[in-house]
Every structure is written in structure tokens, then in C-alpha cells.
Amino acid sequence: MTSQPRSRLGRQTASYFGDHMAYTLATKIRYRAQILSNKKEQINKLLKGIETGDPASVSVVNEAKYIQHNPQTHEGSEGLAELFERLSQTSPRVNIVRVFEDGDYVFAHTEYDFTTRNIGFEIFRFENGQAVEHWDNIQNREELNNSGHSMVDGVTEATDLEDTESNRKLIESFIEEILIQGDLDKLNDYISQDHYTEHNPYLGDDLTQLKSVLSNAKSGRSASVEYKKCHQLLAEGNFVLSVCDGYANQIYSSFFDLYRIKDRKIVEHWDTTEAIPPRSEWKNNNGKF
């Protein structure tokens, strides 16, 4: 008679603790999922910290694991904090035009107004909810190109998420065949001439200008662009960002190119080009790529 209540009590206790543990585990999973899904928001706050110089804005960065690929920035979150504090003295303005997510990576297209106006691409790799690696590419902002487009205007939101991988493959093929191998006869296979919008400040929507600068690399002319290697391809839906190296006007440079794709054709393009400084001027040892 006395064992029955204890048995029920044991079952009730086990049920309580089992339910509590399940609830705690579910809460932790939801919290972790929320952190991971907020990577874009975290990067927005980080980049906006440039305006204020607030060192707390870099808390998203994991100092112990952080790998900095900007050769002009010291490694570690202290390096970023010092950079933000210095930049904040110039009353900067930061406009995050586009931001995308590809697995553990977030990549953003940005406008910076410091003492000079710049356009940039920023890439962050996340691990356990914090940024642990960073790449960027910055170029002075120029006036509208001869087709009337700025370096940042145009479509901003990703669509066609189900086509992410096929679009990544398309750009991989475009870079290899057109930009690296220089098979310009296939250019129209990749770019929709009738619906193409070019944001490079020195080019226009007419593909003859692009063909000219790519052709100049073969002849050794100074006004040329020559791609050598693709280091990264990041994608979300109809947007793909490539990270390459090569030569711009015979100067060793990094090329960050953002493509928008529609119906298996490139319909819009933005980019930044930055000269890679000599090793003797680097402030970290990680390399540009």
C-alpha cells in the first residue's frame, strides 16, 4: 500500500525533470538559432560602430580566433576598436547598401564617407555566433559612369534562393572562361546585353567597353584588367560575390565583383578594385585572401 504513492511520486518527479531538461534544451537550441540567424544584424551593428567609435560594437568579433585579411589593420578585436575610434574622429557616415548571408559567411556592400568617400565590400566568417575572419576591398567613390549608374545603386534584395548553387556555378564558369582564360567570344553566353546594368565607374552598359579592357591585357596595354585566380565565391539567391586577384593597369590588385543573375544570365554588376600593398607594409601576416 505504501509503495504505490512513492512510485507515482517517482514517476512524477522523473517526468518533471525530464520535461524541464527538454524545455531547457529546446530553449538553448532556439537561442542558438536566433544568434545564428542574426548574423546580418550583427554585422550591421559592427559596421555602424565606425560612426560612433564605440568599442562595444566589435564585441561580435571573437578576439581569440579573429583572422584579419585587411593588410592595413592590426589583428584582433583591439585592432578593430582602435581603427573605429580613429575613424570616428573624422565624423564618418556608413551606409550598408546590401547585405547577404551564405552559410557561415556574411558579405556586405557598403558606402563610407570619411574625409574621402569610399565604396567597399566586407566579408565576415562566423563560428559559434561570432565573427572569426574578415576580408574587405575598398575603392574611392567615383562619379556616375557613362550609362548614368553609380557604384551602389540598383537592386538590393536577394530573390530566387533556390537557385543559389546554380548561380554560384554560373559565375565560377564565367570567371574561368571569360575573365581568366579571356575567351571573349563567349561573353554573350553569360551576360544579357539587352538587360545589362554596369556600375563600374569606368565602364557602361555596352559590352564593347568591357571587351576592350579585357582584350588590352593580352596586348600588354596599360588600360587593362587581367584576372589570375578566384579565391572565394559567396552567394545568396540571385547575388554572387567573387573574390579574385590579378592586375589592374599592370598593378597587382584584388577584385571583388558582385553579380546579379536572372534567367541564367548576368544582368547587373558592381565591383571594387584595390591595389595590394607590398608585404613590407602589412600590419598582419594573413595575406589579402
Protein backbone atom coordinates (compact mmCIF):
# COMPACT_ATOMS: atom_id res chain seq x y z
CA MET A 1 0.00 0.00 0.00
CA THR A 2 2.81 2.43 0.83
CA SER A 3 4.93 1.71 -2.29
CA GLN A 4 2.25 2.86 -4.72
CA PRO A 5 2.34 6.58 -3.78
CA ARG A 6 6.11 6.55 -3.84
CA SER A 7 6.04 5.00 -7.30
CA ARG A 8 3.68 7.69 -8.54
CA LEU A 9 5.85 10.35 -6.90
CA GLY A 10 8.92 8.90 -8.59
CA ARG A 11 7.21 8.92 -11.94
CA GLN A 12 6.00 12.48 -11.40
CA THR A 13 9.49 13.61 -10.35
CA ALA A 14 11.11 11.90 -13.32
CA SER A 15 8.51 13.41 -15.61
CA TYR A 16 9.09 16.89 -14.14
CA PHE A 17 12.86 16.73 -14.52
CA GLY A 18 12.55 15.16 -17.97
CA ASP A 19 10.22 17.91 -19.12
CA HIS A 20 12.44 20.57 -17.54
CA MET A 21 15.54 19.23 -19.27
CA ALA A 22 13.71 19.05 -22.59
CA TYR A 23 12.47 22.62 -22.15
CA THR A 24 15.96 23.84 -21.24
CA LEU A 25 17.49 22.08 -24.24
CA ALA A 26 14.81 23.46 -26.58
CA THR A 27 15.38 26.96 -25.18
CA LYS A 28 19.12 26.69 -25.78
CA ILE A 29 18.55 25.45 -29.33
CA ARG A 30 16.14 28.32 -30.06
CA TYR A 31 18.59 30.83 -28.55
CA ARG A 32 21.46 29.47 -30.62
CA ALA A 33 19.32 29.50 -33.77
CA GLN A 34 18.37 33.10 -33.05
CA ILE A 35 22.02 34.08 -32.67
CA LEU A 36 22.98 32.34 -35.88
CA SER A 37 20.05 33.86 -37.79
CA ASN A 38 21.05 37.36 -36.67
CA LYS A 39 24.44 37.39 -38.33
CA LYS A 40 23.36 40.07 -40.80
CA GLU A 41 22.08 42.26 -37.97
CA GLN A 42 25.29 41.77 -36.01
CA ILE A 43 27.39 42.88 -38.97
CA ASN A 44 25.14 45.91 -39.49
CA LYS A 45 25.80 46.94 -35.88
CA LEU A 46 29.52 46.28 -36.22
CA LEU A 47 29.90 48.42 -39.33
CA LYS A 48 27.72 51.18 -37.88
CA GLY A 49 30.18 51.27 -34.97
CA ILE A 50 32.57 53.05 -37.30
CA GLU A 51 30.36 56.13 -36.96
CA THR A 52 30.44 56.17 -33.15
CA GLY A 53 33.82 54.68 -32.35
CA ASP A 54 32.09 52.63 -29.63
CA PRO A 55 34.46 49.75 -28.77
CA ALA A 56 31.46 47.64 -27.71
CA SER A 57 30.39 47.43 -31.35
CA VAL A 58 33.22 45.00 -32.03
CA SER A 59 32.04 42.53 -29.37
CA VAL A 60 30.69 40.33 -32.17
CA VAL A 61 34.32 39.62 -33.05
CA ASN A 62 35.95 36.65 -31.33
CA GLU A 63 39.28 38.17 -30.35
CA ALA A 64 40.96 34.84 -29.64
CA LYS A 65 40.25 33.41 -33.09
CA TYR A 66 39.98 36.51 -35.27
CA ILE A 67 41.89 36.43 -38.57
CA GLN A 68 42.22 39.82 -40.25
CA HIS A 69 42.91 39.92 -44.00
CA ASN A 70 42.97 43.68 -44.42
CA PRO A 71 46.74 44.21 -44.64
CA GLN A 72 46.41 47.74 -43.21
CA THR A 73 44.66 46.64 -39.98
CA HIS A 74 46.18 45.04 -36.90
CA GLU A 75 44.84 41.62 -35.98
CA GLY A 76 42.36 41.08 -33.15
CA SER A 77 39.30 43.00 -31.96
CA GLU A 78 41.57 45.58 -30.29
CA GLY A 79 42.83 46.39 -33.75
CA LEU A 80 39.27 46.99 -34.92
CA ALA A 81 38.44 49.02 -31.82
CA GLU A 82 41.44 51.25 -32.40
CA LEU A 83 40.54 51.59 -36.07
CA PHE A 84 36.92 52.51 -35.27
CA GLU A 85 37.99 55.07 -32.68
CA ARG A 86 40.38 56.69 -35.14
CA LEU A 87 37.83 56.73 -37.95
CA SER A 88 35.13 58.16 -35.69
CA GLN A 89 37.23 61.32 -35.26
CA THR A 90 36.52 62.20 -38.90
CA SER A 91 32.72 62.17 -38.33
CA PRO A 92 32.24 59.27 -40.75
CA ARG A 93 28.98 58.02 -42.22
CA VAL A 94 28.37 54.38 -43.04
CA ASN A 95 25.62 53.19 -45.37
CA ILE A 96 25.15 49.43 -45.67
CA VAL A 97 23.58 49.15 -49.11
CA ARG A 98 23.33 45.38 -49.39
CA VAL A 99 23.97 42.51 -47.02
CA PHE A 100 23.79 38.79 -47.79
CA GLU A 101 24.37 35.52 -45.99
CA ASP A 102 25.98 32.31 -47.24
CA GLY A 103 26.22 29.69 -44.52
CA ASP A 104 28.86 30.86 -42.05
CA TYR A 105 29.61 33.94 -44.16
CA VAL A 106 28.04 37.39 -44.27
CA PHE A 107 29.03 39.76 -47.07
CA ALA A 108 28.04 43.40 -47.33
CA HIS A 109 28.23 46.18 -49.94
CA THR A 110 28.94 49.46 -48.18
CA GLU A 111 29.35 53.20 -48.63
CA TYR A 112 31.83 55.05 -46.40
CA ASP A 113 32.00 58.82 -46.10
CA PHE A 114 35.18 59.72 -44.21
CA THR A 115 37.48 62.54 -45.21
CA THR A 116 37.10 60.85 -48.59
CA ARG A 117 34.16 58.82 -49.92
CA ASN A 118 34.74 55.12 -50.46
CA ILE A 119 32.85 52.05 -51.61
CA GLY A 120 33.62 48.69 -50.04
CA PHE A 121 32.81 45.03 -49.81
CA GLU A 122 33.10 43.38 -46.40
CA ILE A 123 33.16 39.63 -45.74
CA PHE A 124 32.92 38.04 -42.30
CA ARG A 125 33.14 34.36 -41.43
CA PHE A 126 31.22 33.28 -38.34
CA GLU A 127 31.88 30.50 -35.89
CA ASN A 128 29.63 29.80 -32.88
CA GLY A 129 27.80 33.09 -33.30
CA GLN A 130 30.87 35.34 -33.56
CA ALA A 131 32.95 36.71 -36.42
CA VAL A 132 36.32 34.97 -36.60
CA GLU A 133 37.66 36.08 -40.00
CA HIS A 134 37.40 39.22 -42.16
CA TRP A 135 38.18 40.28 -45.72
CA ASP A 136 37.45 43.59 -47.43
CA ASN A 137 38.11 45.59 -50.58
CA ILE A 138 37.86 49.39 -50.68
CA GLN A 139 37.87 51.83 -53.60
CA ASN A 140 37.40 55.59 -53.83
CA ARG A 141 33.89 56.50 -54.88
CA GLU A 142 33.75 57.92 -58.40
CA GLU A 143 31.07 59.86 -60.26
CA LEU A 144 28.31 58.27 -62.35
CA ASN A 145 29.56 56.15 -65.23
CA ASN A 146 28.72 56.94 -68.84
CA SER A 147 25.47 54.97 -68.54
CA GLY A 148 24.35 57.09 -65.59
CA HIS A 149 24.82 54.48 -62.84
CA SER A 150 26.55 54.97 -59.50
CA MET A 151 28.77 52.40 -57.81
CA VAL A 152 25.99 51.34 -55.41
CA ASP A 153 22.52 51.98 -56.86
CA GLY A 154 20.32 49.21 -58.21
CA VAL A 155 18.59 46.12 -56.81
CA THR A 156 19.38 45.38 -53.15
CA GLU A 157 17.34 42.34 -52.05
CA ALA A 158 18.14 38.72 -52.85
CA THR A 159 15.50 36.54 -54.50
CA ASP A 160 15.46 33.09 -56.11
CA LEU A 161 17.08 31.47 -53.07
CA GLU A 162 16.55 28.04 -54.59
CA ASP A 163 18.96 28.99 -57.39
CA THR A 164 21.88 29.89 -55.10
CA GLU A 165 24.12 26.98 -56.08
CA SER A 166 23.40 27.09 -59.81
CA ASN A 167 24.13 30.83 -59.82
CA ARG A 168 27.39 30.23 -57.95
CA LYS A 169 28.38 27.69 -60.62
CA LEU A 170 27.47 30.12 -63.39
CA ILE A 171 29.80 32.80 -62.01
CA GLU A 172 32.55 30.25 -61.40
CA SER A 173 32.37 29.31 -65.08
CA PHE A 174 32.19 32.97 -66.18
CA ILE A 175 35.32 33.86 -64.24
CA GLU A 176 37.28 30.91 -65.58
CA GLU A 177 36.25 31.17 -69.24
CA ILE A 178 35.88 34.93 -69.69
CA LEU A 179 37.97 36.70 -67.06
CA ILE A 180 40.88 34.28 -66.65
CA GLN A 181 41.09 32.46 -69.99
CA GLY A 182 39.91 35.51 -71.93
CA ASP A 183 37.51 33.67 -74.26
CA LEU A 184 35.58 36.83 -75.10
CA ASP A 185 33.65 35.15 -77.91
CA LYS A 186 31.55 33.55 -75.16
CA LEU A 187 30.80 36.82 -73.34
CA ASN A 188 27.22 37.00 -74.63
CA ASP A 189 26.62 33.47 -73.35
CA TYR A 190 26.91 34.85 -69.83
CA ILE A 191 25.71 38.45 -69.97
CA SER A 192 22.29 39.64 -71.08
CA GLN A 193 23.28 42.60 -73.29
CA ASP A 194 19.69 43.83 -73.65
CA HIS A 195 19.11 43.92 -69.88
CA TYR A 196 22.59 44.58 -68.51
CA THR A 197 23.35 47.30 -65.94
CA GLU A 198 27.01 48.12 -65.26
CA HIS A 199 28.04 50.00 -62.10
CA ASN A 200 31.79 50.11 -62.66
CA PRO A 201 32.58 53.85 -62.85
CA TYR A 202 34.88 53.42 -65.86
CA LEU A 203 32.58 51.22 -67.93
CA GLY A 204 29.00 51.35 -69.19
CA ASP A 205 26.17 49.04 -70.14
CA ASP A 206 27.64 48.50 -73.62
CA LEU A 207 29.72 45.31 -73.53
CA THR A 208 32.23 46.66 -76.07
CA GLN A 209 33.87 48.64 -73.27
CA LEU A 210 34.29 45.55 -71.12
CA LYS A 211 35.68 43.60 -74.06
CA SER A 212 38.19 46.39 -74.68
CA VAL A 213 39.72 46.42 -71.19
CA LEU A 214 39.87 42.63 -71.08
CA SER A 215 41.45 42.48 -74.53
CA ASN A 216 44.07 45.07 -73.56
CA ALA A 217 45.55 42.65 -71.02
CA LYS A 218 46.57 40.30 -73.83
CA SER A 219 48.36 43.07 -75.69
CA GLY A 220 50.09 44.48 -72.60
CA ARG A 221 48.39 47.88 -72.78
CA SER A 222 48.29 49.92 -69.57
CA ALA A 223 44.49 50.43 -69.50
CA SER A 224 43.69 46.78 -68.84
CA VAL A 225 42.26 44.30 -66.36
CA GLU A 226 43.71 40.80 -66.01
CA TYR A 227 42.25 38.19 -63.66
CA LYS A 228 44.56 35.47 -62.38
CA LYS A 229 42.81 33.46 -59.65
CA CYS A 230 39.44 33.23 -57.93
CA HIS A 231 39.78 32.79 -54.16
CA GLN A 232 36.16 32.87 -52.96
CA LEU A 233 32.63 32.65 -54.33
CA LEU A 234 29.83 33.61 -51.96
CA ALA A 235 26.17 33.55 -52.93
CA GLU A 236 22.64 34.14 -51.75
CA GLY A 237 19.90 33.59 -54.29
CA ASN A 238 20.41 35.75 -57.37
CA PHE A 239 23.51 37.54 -55.98
CA VAL A 240 27.05 36.15 -56.18
CA LEU A 241 30.23 37.82 -54.87
CA SER A 242 33.60 36.75 -56.26
CA VAL A 243 37.00 37.49 -54.71
CA CYS A 244 39.86 37.39 -57.21
CA ASP A 245 43.37 38.66 -57.75
CA GLY A 246 45.14 39.89 -60.84
CA TYR A 247 46.38 43.10 -62.41
CA ALA A 248 44.59 46.41 -62.92
CA ASN A 249 46.58 48.66 -65.24
CA GLN A 250 49.53 46.32 -64.59
CA ILE A 251 49.35 46.81 -60.80
CA TYR A 252 48.80 43.71 -58.64
CA SER A 253 45.28 44.13 -57.27
CA SER A 254 42.29 42.46 -55.65
CA PHE A 255 38.94 42.35 -57.46
CA PHE A 256 35.68 41.97 -55.56
CA ASP A 257 32.78 41.60 -58.03
CA LEU A 258 29.09 41.37 -57.17
CA TYR A 259 26.79 39.91 -59.82
CA ARG A 260 23.01 39.79 -60.03
CA ILE A 261 21.65 36.96 -62.13
CA LYS A 262 18.32 36.48 -63.84
CA ASP A 263 17.30 33.60 -66.11
CA ARG A 264 20.85 32.18 -66.10
CA LYS A 265 22.38 35.47 -67.32
CA ILE A 266 24.28 38.26 -65.57
CA VAL A 267 22.04 41.35 -65.60
CA GLU A 268 23.81 43.65 -63.12
CA HIS A 269 27.37 44.12 -61.86
CA TRP A 270 29.12 46.11 -59.12
CA ASP A 271 32.79 45.96 -58.17
CA THR A 272 35.71 47.42 -56.27
CA THR A 273 39.39 47.20 -57.20
CA GLU A 274 42.17 47.77 -54.69
CA ALA A 275 45.94 47.67 -55.12
CA ILE A 276 47.56 45.11 -52.83
CA PRO A 277 50.38 46.76 -50.84
CA PRO A 278 53.85 45.23 -50.68
CA ARG A 279 54.47 42.74 -47.88
CA SER A 280 56.71 45.21 -46.06
CA GLU A 281 53.67 47.45 -45.41
CA TRP A 282 51.36 44.76 -43.98
CA LYS A 283 50.19 45.13 -40.36
CA ASN A 284 49.33 41.44 -40.07
CA ASN A 285 50.68 38.27 -41.67
CA ASN A 286 47.47 36.72 -43.00
CA GLY A 287 47.54 37.90 -46.60
CA LYS A 288 44.79 39.61 -48.57
CA PHE A 289 42.96 36.39 -49.38
